[in-house]
Amino acid sequence: MICKKLSLLFGILVMACCGFVFSPNIASADIQSVSVTPIVSDDEDPSFFQLSGQPGSVKELKLSLTNFGDMPIQLRVQPTNATTSTTGKLDFDEKVTVGDYGLRHAFSDMTNPQTVMLKNDQTKDLTFKVKLPSQPLAGTVIGGFDVYDVKHPNDGHSGVAVYFDSTPTKNNHLIKFDGIVPKVQNKQPFLMVNLANYSAETIKNTIVQVKVKKNNWYNKLGLDNQISVQDVKFDKIAPNSKIPIEFNQKQTPIASGNYLVEGVVKNGRDAWHFKQNVKVDPVAADQINQQAKNLIYDKTGLYLTIIGVLTAVIVLIFWGISYQRRYS
């Protein structure tokens, strides 16, 4: 009698699990038609500003904006500092404040942002008063203006650099591992491995190699043990900036859990090695997966869990049969 009941229970569990498994699963570019031009003297490079002066002095920078489009556009000109893009270039499309990766001088503390409305085929010149810090600038300081469409901030940014004359520092380059975060771009999920340059210097001609693999219990058993590798050359790494390395997951959802991240950063004779166990938060991973499109889910973990449950049930049934025979 006991044997029949255990067999019936086993059959119900198998049918439920099979129904669950096989049920269908419903699942910086420039601003177009806008030109941004620094107004400088004839003997200066027209693509950026060069700024020098005594501590505490006030300087003026002039920026010319033209709308070549057919429709009016409202532009925001935001002071910021240089950051490092995923392609190894200097960028100016992020908000930067004092303290970010050891940054001591933020351009946003020296001048104010401005907003301007441009009609079609209209040009306006903006003047920015820049107050230099009361103490001499130390290290390499690269400020800049981030120009974007107020109503469509994700449609592109135009950046103009502001290079400051400053006192060089003798600090060695200092690169650290800064974590891993999920992100969505163009409806595809990415894992972003972030390093950081904590030195007030521009680092040139740098090679970064990063390896990422899942580090959960079933990966340690040799299951789903794929390693993702990225080799990126950075022509320039901005002072006191994040160094982003992106891993495009394409149609693979971001998996939460543990990851092992290791790699090396090479610059001439210098090399920085790093190896870290990190965790991707389930809530963050789920948010990114919901924003992405056309994902193909890997059910390896689910299948292993079901196999484990069925194995436990089978062991329980044989133990029950053995127990019944022993005492019958």
Protein backbone atom coordinates (compact mmCIF):
# COMPACT_ATOMS: atom_id res chain seq x y z
CA MET A 1 0.00 0.00 0.00
CA ILE A 2 2.78 2.37 0.95
CA CYS A 3 4.63 1.47 -2.25
CA LYS A 4 1.58 2.31 -4.39
CA LYS A 5 1.14 5.69 -2.65
CA LEU A 6 4.80 6.59 -3.13
CA SER A 7 4.63 5.61 -6.80
CA LEU A 8 1.52 7.75 -7.29
CA LEU A 9 3.23 10.73 -5.62
CA PHE A 10 6.27 10.25 -7.85
CA GLY A 11 4.07 10.21 -10.97
CA ILE A 12 2.32 13.44 -9.97
CA LEU A 13 5.64 15.22 -9.33
CA VAL A 14 7.04 14.10 -12.70
CA MET A 15 3.95 15.31 -14.57
CA ALA A 16 4.01 18.67 -12.77
CA CYS A 17 7.71 19.20 -13.44
CA CYS A 18 7.40 18.24 -17.12
CA GLY A 19 4.47 20.62 -17.56
CA PHE A 20 6.53 23.43 -16.01
CA VAL A 21 9.63 22.77 -18.14
CA PHE A 22 7.94 22.42 -21.52
CA SER A 23 5.29 25.14 -21.18
CA PRO A 24 5.91 27.99 -23.68
CA ASN A 25 7.80 30.97 -22.25
CA ILE A 26 6.04 34.21 -23.03
CA ALA A 27 8.44 36.26 -22.62
CA SER A 28 28.40 59.50 -28.37
CA ALA A 29 27.38 60.73 -31.34
CA ASP A 30 27.11 64.45 -32.12
CA ILE A 31 23.77 66.21 -32.24
CA GLN A 32 22.43 66.13 -35.77
CA SER A 33 22.13 69.48 -37.58
CA VAL A 34 23.88 71.39 -34.76
CA SER A 35 27.43 72.74 -34.84
CA VAL A 36 29.36 73.72 -31.72
CA THR A 37 32.47 75.85 -32.26
CA PRO A 38 34.90 77.40 -29.73
CA ILE A 39 35.61 81.06 -30.45
CA VAL A 40 39.39 81.39 -30.11
CA SER A 41 42.15 83.58 -31.50
CA ASP A 42 43.68 82.87 -34.90
CA ASP A 43 46.83 81.32 -33.41
CA GLU A 44 44.89 78.79 -31.30
CA ASP A 45 43.49 75.39 -32.24
CA PRO A 46 39.80 75.96 -33.15
CA SER A 47 38.67 72.55 -31.86
CA PHE A 48 39.18 73.20 -28.12
CA PHE A 49 39.91 75.82 -25.47
CA GLN A 50 43.27 76.39 -23.79
CA LEU A 51 42.91 78.19 -20.45
CA SER A 52 45.54 79.68 -18.16
CA GLY A 53 45.56 82.31 -15.45
CA GLN A 54 46.38 83.16 -11.88
CA PRO A 55 44.56 81.32 -9.06
CA GLY A 56 41.25 83.04 -8.29
CA SER A 57 41.15 84.97 -11.56
CA VAL A 58 38.13 85.06 -13.88
CA LYS A 59 38.41 84.18 -17.56
CA GLU A 60 35.88 84.25 -20.39
CA LEU A 61 35.20 81.48 -22.89
CA LYS A 62 32.90 81.96 -25.89
CA LEU A 63 31.04 79.20 -27.65
CA SER A 64 29.18 79.52 -30.95
CA LEU A 65 26.14 77.29 -31.59
CA THR A 66 24.32 76.97 -34.92
CA ASN A 67 21.11 75.11 -35.73
CA PHE A 68 21.13 73.92 -39.36
CA GLY A 69 17.91 71.93 -38.92
CA ASP A 70 14.40 72.68 -40.08
CA MET A 71 12.95 72.86 -36.55
CA PRO A 72 13.78 74.95 -33.46
CA ILE A 73 15.88 73.22 -30.84
CA GLN A 74 16.56 73.90 -27.16
CA LEU A 75 20.14 73.16 -26.17
CA ARG A 76 21.75 72.70 -22.79
CA VAL A 77 25.43 73.52 -22.37
CA GLN A 78 26.68 71.75 -19.24
CA PRO A 79 30.21 72.17 -17.85
CA THR A 80 31.85 68.88 -16.92
CA ASN A 81 35.20 67.08 -16.97
CA ALA A 82 36.68 64.66 -19.46
CA THR A 83 35.70 61.00 -19.10
CA THR A 84 36.88 57.89 -20.93
CA SER A 85 34.68 56.26 -23.57
CA THR A 86 34.44 52.52 -24.28
CA THR A 87 36.36 53.13 -27.52
CA GLY A 88 39.34 54.67 -25.73
CA LYS A 89 38.64 58.34 -26.48
CA LEU A 90 38.01 61.39 -24.32
CA ASP A 91 34.33 62.16 -23.84
CA PHE A 92 32.26 64.91 -22.19
CA ASP A 93 28.76 63.45 -21.89
CA GLU A 94 28.68 62.53 -18.18
CA LYS A 95 28.14 64.50 -14.99
CA VAL A 96 31.38 64.80 -13.02
CA THR A 97 31.86 66.14 -9.48
CA VAL A 98 34.75 66.62 -7.07
CA GLY A 99 35.73 63.35 -5.45
CA ASP A 100 34.95 61.15 -8.44
CA TYR A 101 37.92 58.78 -8.67
CA GLY A 102 40.04 61.23 -6.68
CA LEU A 103 39.15 64.29 -8.80
CA ARG A 104 40.16 67.55 -7.06
CA HIS A 105 39.08 70.16 -9.62
CA ALA A 106 35.62 70.00 -11.23
CA PHE A 107 34.91 72.36 -14.14
CA SER A 108 31.26 72.52 -13.04
CA ASP A 109 32.45 74.39 -9.90
CA MET A 110 34.16 77.05 -12.01
CA THR A 111 31.33 78.13 -14.33
CA ASN A 112 27.58 77.80 -14.73
CA PRO A 113 25.52 75.86 -17.29
CA GLN A 114 23.37 77.67 -19.85
CA THR A 115 20.28 76.83 -21.87
CA VAL A 116 19.59 78.39 -25.26
CA MET A 117 16.75 78.17 -27.81
CA LEU A 118 17.79 78.21 -31.46
CA LYS A 119 15.44 78.70 -34.38
CA ASN A 120 16.20 76.97 -37.67
CA ASP A 121 19.30 78.43 -39.38
CA GLN A 122 20.09 80.54 -36.32
CA THR A 123 23.46 81.08 -34.62
CA LYS A 124 24.03 82.30 -31.07
CA ASP A 125 27.23 82.96 -29.15
CA LEU A 126 27.37 82.11 -25.45
CA THR A 127 29.86 83.60 -22.98
CA PHE A 128 30.99 81.63 -19.93
CA LYS A 129 32.80 83.28 -17.05
CA VAL A 130 35.24 80.79 -15.56
CA LYS A 131 36.60 81.44 -12.06
CA LEU A 132 39.80 79.53 -11.46
CA PRO A 133 40.29 77.87 -8.04
CA SER A 134 42.03 79.86 -5.32
CA GLN A 135 44.83 77.28 -5.23
CA PRO A 136 47.09 76.38 -8.19
CA LEU A 137 45.82 73.48 -10.27
CA ALA A 138 47.80 70.28 -9.73
CA GLY A 139 48.03 67.44 -12.21
CA THR A 140 46.29 67.26 -15.58
CA VAL A 141 42.89 68.98 -15.58
CA ILE A 142 40.64 68.63 -18.62
CA GLY A 143 37.27 70.33 -18.39
CA GLY A 144 34.71 70.58 -21.13
CA PHE A 145 31.23 71.56 -22.30
CA ASP A 146 28.57 68.91 -22.87
CA VAL A 147 25.98 70.14 -25.41
CA TYR A 148 22.73 68.22 -25.87
CA ASP A 149 19.08 68.58 -26.88
CA VAL A 150 17.00 69.26 -23.76
CA LYS A 151 13.93 67.42 -25.09
CA HIS A 152 15.92 64.50 -26.53
CA PRO A 153 19.02 64.08 -24.33
CA ASN A 154 19.69 60.56 -25.63
CA ASP A 155 19.86 61.60 -29.29
CA GLY A 156 23.51 62.65 -29.16
CA HIS A 157 26.00 64.90 -27.40
CA SER A 158 28.63 67.33 -28.66
CA GLY A 159 31.66 67.94 -26.49
CA VAL A 160 34.23 70.73 -26.44
CA ALA A 161 37.39 70.29 -24.36
CA VAL A 162 38.90 72.90 -22.05
CA TYR A 163 42.58 72.22 -21.32
CA PHE A 164 43.99 73.95 -18.25
CA ASP A 165 47.59 74.98 -17.70
CA SER A 166 48.55 73.23 -14.47
CA THR A 167 51.47 71.95 -12.43
CA PRO A 168 52.44 68.37 -13.34
CA THR A 169 52.31 65.81 -10.54
CA LYS A 170 54.87 63.13 -9.76
CA ASN A 171 52.29 60.54 -8.78
CA ASN A 172 52.51 57.18 -10.51
CA HIS A 173 49.58 55.93 -12.53
CA LEU A 174 47.04 54.29 -10.26
CA ILE A 175 44.45 51.98 -11.83
CA LYS A 176 41.96 50.01 -9.73
CA PHE A 177 39.10 47.60 -10.30
CA ASP A 178 35.79 49.43 -9.78
CA GLY A 179 33.09 46.77 -10.08
CA ILE A 180 30.69 45.25 -12.61
CA VAL A 181 27.22 46.55 -13.48
CA PRO A 182 24.50 45.52 -15.96
CA LYS A 183 23.38 48.06 -18.56
CA VAL A 184 21.10 48.22 -21.60
CA GLN A 185 22.13 49.88 -24.88
CA ASN A 186 20.13 49.81 -28.10
CA LYS A 187 17.75 47.26 -26.53
CA GLN A 188 20.62 44.83 -25.86
CA PRO A 189 21.99 43.82 -22.44
CA PHE A 190 25.59 44.58 -21.53
CA LEU A 191 27.83 43.71 -18.61
CA MET A 192 30.07 46.69 -17.89
CA VAL A 193 33.37 45.95 -16.17
CA ASN A 194 34.66 49.21 -14.73
CA LEU A 195 38.25 50.04 -13.91
CA ALA A 196 39.28 53.52 -12.74
CA ASN A 197 42.20 55.88 -13.22
CA TYR A 198 42.78 57.48 -9.82
CA SER A 199 45.75 59.54 -10.96
CA ALA A 200 45.52 63.17 -12.13
CA GLU A 201 47.20 62.28 -15.41
CA THR A 202 46.16 61.33 -18.93
CA ILE A 203 47.30 57.79 -19.67
CA LYS A 204 48.04 57.10 -23.34
CA ASN A 205 48.34 53.94 -25.46
CA THR A 206 47.01 51.45 -22.93
CA ILE A 207 45.95 47.85 -23.57
CA VAL A 208 43.28 46.34 -21.31
CA GLN A 209 42.44 42.62 -21.30
CA VAL A 210 39.51 41.43 -19.20
CA LYS A 211 38.09 37.93 -18.67
CA VAL A 212 34.65 37.34 -17.15
CA LYS A 213 33.02 34.04 -16.22
CA LYS A 214 30.12 32.99 -14.02
CA ASN A 215 31.19 31.65 -10.65
CA ASN A 216 28.10 29.91 -9.26
CA TRP A 217 28.03 26.36 -7.82
CA TYR A 218 27.11 24.66 -11.09
CA ASN A 219 29.83 26.58 -12.96
CA LYS A 220 32.39 25.13 -10.54
CA LEU A 221 31.17 21.66 -11.58
CA GLY A 222 32.16 22.49 -15.15
CA LEU A 223 28.65 23.31 -16.39
CA ASP A 224 28.07 26.51 -18.40
CA ASN A 225 31.70 27.45 -17.83
CA GLN A 226 32.08 29.85 -20.76
CA ILE A 227 34.67 32.64 -20.46
CA SER A 228 34.11 36.02 -22.14
CA VAL A 229 37.24 37.97 -23.13
CA GLN A 230 37.70 41.56 -24.23
CA ASP A 231 40.90 43.21 -25.48
CA VAL A 232 40.60 46.98 -25.80
CA LYS A 233 43.17 49.59 -26.76
CA PHE A 234 42.65 52.98 -25.12
CA ASP A 235 44.40 55.78 -26.98
CA LYS A 236 43.66 58.08 -24.06
CA ILE A 237 42.39 57.51 -20.54
CA ALA A 238 41.13 60.73 -18.94
CA PRO A 239 42.49 61.83 -15.57
CA ASN A 240 40.46 60.67 -12.56
CA SER A 241 37.96 58.78 -14.67
CA LYS A 242 36.18 55.47 -15.01
CA ILE A 243 37.58 53.03 -17.59
CA PRO A 244 34.59 51.12 -19.01
CA ILE A 245 34.93 47.74 -20.75
CA GLU A 246 31.68 46.48 -22.24
CA PHE A 247 30.59 42.88 -22.78
CA ASN A 248 27.65 42.74 -25.20
CA GLN A 249 25.38 39.86 -24.16
CA LYS A 250 23.35 40.25 -27.39
CA GLN A 251 20.34 37.93 -26.95
CA THR A 252 21.53 36.39 -23.69
CA PRO A 253 19.82 37.78 -20.57
CA ILE A 254 21.95 39.15 -17.76
CA ALA A 255 22.37 36.36 -15.21
CA SER A 256 22.43 37.40 -11.57
CA GLY A 257 24.80 35.77 -9.13
CA ASN A 258 28.56 35.45 -8.76
CA TYR A 259 31.18 36.30 -11.38
CA LEU A 260 34.95 36.02 -11.49
CA VAL A 261 36.60 39.02 -13.18
CA GLU A 262 40.32 39.06 -13.90
CA GLY A 263 42.63 40.86 -16.25
CA VAL A 264 45.62 43.05 -16.85
CA VAL A 265 46.22 46.67 -17.86
CA LYS A 266 49.43 47.31 -19.80
CA ASN A 267 51.04 50.68 -20.44
CA GLY A 268 54.61 50.53 -21.66
CA ARG A 269 56.59 48.71 -19.00
CA ASP A 270 53.87 49.19 -16.38
CA ALA A 271 51.25 46.52 -15.77
CA TRP A 272 48.35 46.29 -13.29
CA HIS A 273 46.79 42.91 -12.58
CA PHE A 274 43.40 42.43 -10.97
CA LYS A 275 41.23 39.46 -9.94
CA GLN A 276 37.93 39.90 -8.14
CA ASN A 277 34.87 37.87 -7.20
CA VAL A 278 31.82 40.09 -7.70
CA LYS A 279 28.05 39.71 -7.58
CA VAL A 280 25.35 40.98 -9.94
CA ASP A 281 22.21 41.90 -8.01
CA PRO A 282 19.06 39.99 -9.12
CA VAL A 283 16.92 43.15 -9.09
CA ALA A 284 19.40 45.06 -11.28
CA ALA A 285 19.70 42.14 -13.70
CA ASP A 286 15.92 41.78 -13.97
CA GLN A 287 15.47 45.50 -14.68
CA ILE A 288 17.97 45.37 -17.54
CA ASN A 289 16.43 42.19 -18.99
CA GLN A 290 12.99 43.80 -18.98
CA GLN A 291 14.32 46.76 -21.00
CA ALA A 292 16.11 44.52 -23.53
CA LYS A 293 14.41 42.87 -26.50
CA ASN A 294 14.44 39.42 -28.17
CA LEU A 295 16.25 37.63 -25.34
CA ILE A 296 16.80 33.87 -25.39
CA TYR A 297 16.77 32.45 -21.87
CA ASP A 298 19.16 29.70 -20.78
CA LYS A 299 17.34 27.22 -18.52
CA THR A 300 20.42 25.26 -17.44
CA GLY A 301 20.02 26.23 -13.81
CA LEU A 302 16.31 25.37 -13.87
CA TYR A 303 16.94 21.97 -15.44
CA LEU A 304 19.64 21.15 -12.90
CA THR A 305 17.32 22.11 -10.06
CA ILE A 306 14.53 19.88 -11.43
CA ILE A 307 16.95 16.98 -11.91
CA GLY A 308 18.07 17.43 -8.31
CA VAL A 309 14.47 17.39 -7.05
CA LEU A 310 13.58 14.27 -9.08
CA THR A 311 16.73 12.51 -7.89
CA ALA A 312 15.81 13.27 -4.28
CA VAL A 313 12.27 11.91 -4.86
CA ILE A 314 13.64 8.70 -6.43
CA VAL A 315 15.99 8.19 -3.49
CA LEU A 316 13.06 8.76 -1.11
CA ILE A 317 10.92 6.18 -2.94
CA PHE A 318 13.62 3.49 -2.85
CA TRP A 319 14.27 4.24 0.80
CA GLY A 320 10.52 3.84 1.51
CA ILE A 321 10.39 0.54 -0.36
CA SER A 322 13.48 -0.73 1.47
CA TYR A 323 12.04 0.40 4.82
CA GLN A 324 8.72 -1.35 4.13
CA ARG A 325 10.39 -4.63 3.17
CA ARG A 326 12.63 -4.57 6.18
CA TYR A 327 9.81 -4.27 8.69
CA SER A 328 7.01 -6.14 6.87
